[in-house]
Amino acid sequence: MRCKTLSNKYYLRDRLGFNFRVLPDNIQTVTTIFNSKITCITDIKTNINSFRIDCIDESIDEINSIAKATFFGESLEGRQYTRGNLYRDV
């Protein structure tokens, strides 16, 4: 992966050309790396009562759509979404 800066935002670019947003936190000295696409994990059957949704570059309409789908347990479909791979080691 290579580090890339776009308009004061930092990204890691993978071998397929996807940009993964890097968000440093200077107070807690923790850096978060976000997926290049919106990750949808609502299809996992667990006993979860609450969700945390991190939105960094999405519009208000996208955030509302994501929150609604998460609340109702619906899956987000489209090229801008991914189900990720929660069971793969990183």
C-alpha atoms as a PDB file:
ATOM      1  CA  MET A   1       0.000   0.000   0.000  1.00  0.00           C
ATOM      2  CA  ARG A   2       1.066   3.553  -0.658  1.00  0.00           C
ATOM      3  CA  CYS A   3       0.124   6.669   1.267  1.00  0.00           C
ATOM      4  CA  LYS A   4      -1.581   9.376  -0.758  1.00  0.00           C
ATOM      5  CA  THR A   5      -2.800  12.857   0.165  1.00  0.00           C
ATOM      6  CA  LEU A   6      -5.913  14.332  -1.462  1.00  0.00           C
ATOM      7  CA  SER A   7      -6.955  17.812  -0.293  1.00  0.00           C
ATOM      8  CA  ASN A   8      -5.466  17.415   3.210  1.00  0.00           C
ATOM      9  CA  LYS A   9      -6.996  13.944   3.611  1.00  0.00           C
ATOM     10  CA  TYR A  10      -4.760  10.888   3.897  1.00  0.00           C
ATOM     11  CA  TYR A  11      -5.343   7.593   2.103  1.00  0.00           C
ATOM     12  CA  LEU A  12      -3.670   4.225   1.695  1.00  0.00           C
ATOM     13  CA  ARG A  13      -3.971   2.874  -1.824  1.00  0.00           C
ATOM     14  CA  ASP A  14      -4.097  -0.900  -2.250  1.00  0.00           C
ATOM     15  CA  ARG A  15      -2.926  -3.004  -5.187  1.00  0.00           C
ATOM     16  CA  LEU A  16      -6.357  -2.725  -6.855  1.00  0.00           C
ATOM     17  CA  GLY A  17      -6.287   1.081  -6.722  1.00  0.00           C
ATOM     18  CA  PHE A  18      -8.845   1.540  -3.932  1.00  0.00           C
ATOM     19  CA  ASN A  19      -8.214   4.413  -1.503  1.00  0.00           C
ATOM     20  CA  PHE A  20      -8.655   3.631   2.200  1.00  0.00           C
ATOM     21  CA  ARG A  21      -9.194   6.788   4.262  1.00  0.00           C
ATOM     22  CA  VAL A  22      -6.749   7.268   7.147  1.00  0.00           C
ATOM     23  CA  LEU A  23      -8.039   9.373  10.037  1.00  0.00           C
ATOM     24  CA  PRO A  24      -5.463  10.155  12.743  1.00  0.00           C
ATOM     25  CA  ASP A  25      -6.568  11.181  16.230  1.00  0.00           C
ATOM     26  CA  ASN A  26      -3.869  13.326  17.797  1.00  0.00           C
ATOM     27  CA  ILE A  27      -5.506  13.373  21.222  1.00  0.00           C
ATOM     28  CA  GLN A  28      -5.728   9.612  21.802  1.00  0.00           C
ATOM     29  CA  THR A  29      -2.883   8.837  19.370  1.00  0.00           C
ATOM     30  CA  VAL A  30      -5.049   6.292  17.577  1.00  0.00           C
ATOM     31  CA  THR A  31      -5.272   6.081  13.806  1.00  0.00           C
ATOM     32  CA  THR A  32      -8.350   4.621  12.131  1.00  0.00           C
ATOM     33  CA  ILE A  33      -8.250   3.184   8.606  1.00  0.00           C
ATOM     34  CA  PHE A  34     -11.649   3.098   6.900  1.00  0.00           C
ATOM     35  CA  ASN A  35     -12.717   0.807   4.083  1.00  0.00           C
ATOM     36  CA  SER A  36     -12.762   2.308   0.585  1.00  0.00           C
ATOM     37  CA  LYS A  37     -16.492   1.542   0.331  1.00  0.00           C
ATOM     38  CA  ILE A  38     -19.383   1.801   2.774  1.00  0.00           C
ATOM     39  CA  THR A  39     -19.382  -1.427   4.780  1.00  0.00           C
ATOM     40  CA  CYS A  40     -22.737  -3.126   5.364  1.00  0.00           C
ATOM     41  CA  ILE A  41     -22.826  -5.823   8.053  1.00  0.00           C
ATOM     42  CA  THR A  42     -26.562  -5.804   8.803  1.00  0.00           C
ATOM     43  CA  ASP A  43     -27.031  -9.336   7.471  1.00  0.00           C
ATOM     44  CA  ILE A  44     -25.136 -10.861  10.409  1.00  0.00           C
ATOM     45  CA  LYS A  45     -27.517 -12.681  12.731  1.00  0.00           C
ATOM     46  CA  THR A  46     -26.530 -11.707  16.252  1.00  0.00           C
ATOM     47  CA  ASN A  47     -28.098 -10.359  19.404  1.00  0.00           C
ATOM     48  CA  ILE A  48     -27.054  -6.711  18.927  1.00  0.00           C
ATOM     49  CA  ASN A  49     -29.168  -3.958  20.460  1.00  0.00           C
ATOM     50  CA  SER A  50     -27.175  -0.935  19.303  1.00  0.00           C
ATOM     51  CA  PHE A  51     -24.882   0.032  16.428  1.00  0.00           C
ATOM     52  CA  ARG A  52     -22.157   2.589  15.949  1.00  0.00           C
ATOM     53  CA  ILE A  53     -22.127   4.176  12.509  1.00  0.00           C
ATOM     54  CA  ASP A  54     -18.994   6.130  11.547  1.00  0.00           C
ATOM     55  CA  CYS A  55     -19.651   8.573   8.704  1.00  0.00           C
ATOM     56  CA  ILE A  56     -16.796  10.706   7.431  1.00  0.00           C
ATOM     57  CA  ASP A  57     -17.478  11.686   3.798  1.00  0.00           C
ATOM     58  CA  GLU A  58     -21.132  10.739   3.262  1.00  0.00           C
ATOM     59  CA  SER A  59     -23.900  13.216   2.480  1.00  0.00           C
ATOM     60  CA  ILE A  60     -26.942  13.698   4.729  1.00  0.00           C
ATOM     61  CA  ASP A  61     -29.069  11.602   2.342  1.00  0.00           C
ATOM     62  CA  GLU A  62     -26.520   8.758   2.410  1.00  0.00           C
ATOM     63  CA  ILE A  63     -26.330   8.888   6.212  1.00  0.00           C
ATOM     64  CA  ASN A  64     -30.130   8.755   6.494  1.00  0.00           C
ATOM     65  CA  SER A  65     -30.251   5.807   4.083  1.00  0.00           C
ATOM     66  CA  ILE A  66     -27.551   3.937   6.013  1.00  0.00           C
ATOM     67  CA  ALA A  67     -29.219   4.632   9.389  1.00  0.00           C
ATOM     68  CA  LYS A  68     -32.619   3.492   8.091  1.00  0.00           C
ATOM     69  CA  ALA A  69     -31.203   0.274   6.606  1.00  0.00           C
ATOM     70  CA  THR A  70     -29.298  -0.447   9.820  1.00  0.00           C
ATOM     71  CA  PHE A  71     -32.356   0.187  12.009  1.00  0.00           C
ATOM     72  CA  PHE A  72     -34.553  -2.145   9.950  1.00  0.00           C
ATOM     73  CA  GLY A  73     -31.801  -4.754   9.392  1.00  0.00           C
ATOM     74  CA  GLU A  74     -31.857  -4.269   5.627  1.00  0.00           C
ATOM     75  CA  SER A  75     -28.898  -4.937   3.372  1.00  0.00           C
ATOM     76  CA  LEU A  76     -27.350  -2.070   1.403  1.00  0.00           C
ATOM     77  CA  GLU A  77     -26.892  -2.947  -2.259  1.00  0.00           C
ATOM     78  CA  GLY A  78     -24.840  -1.292  -4.977  1.00  0.00           C
ATOM     79  CA  ARG A  79     -21.298  -0.703  -6.165  1.00  0.00           C
ATOM     80  CA  GLN A  80     -20.560   1.821  -3.390  1.00  0.00           C
ATOM     81  CA  TYR A  81     -21.245  -0.784  -0.665  1.00  0.00           C
ATOM     82  CA  THR A  82     -19.351  -3.859   0.495  1.00  0.00           C
ATOM     83  CA  ARG A  83     -20.089  -6.601   2.975  1.00  0.00           C
ATOM     84  CA  GLY A  84     -16.409  -6.784   3.850  1.00  0.00           C
ATOM     85  CA  ASN A  85     -14.946  -9.910   5.344  1.00  0.00           C
ATOM     86  CA  LEU A  86     -15.303  -9.937   9.117  1.00  0.00           C
ATOM     87  CA  TYR A  87     -13.830 -13.401   9.503  1.00  0.00           C
ATOM     88  CA  ARG A  88     -10.550 -12.806   7.663  1.00  0.00           C
ATOM     89  CA  ASP A  89      -7.432 -12.039   9.707  1.00  0.00           C
ATOM     90  CA  VAL A  90      -5.759  -8.708   9.041  1.00  0.00           C
END
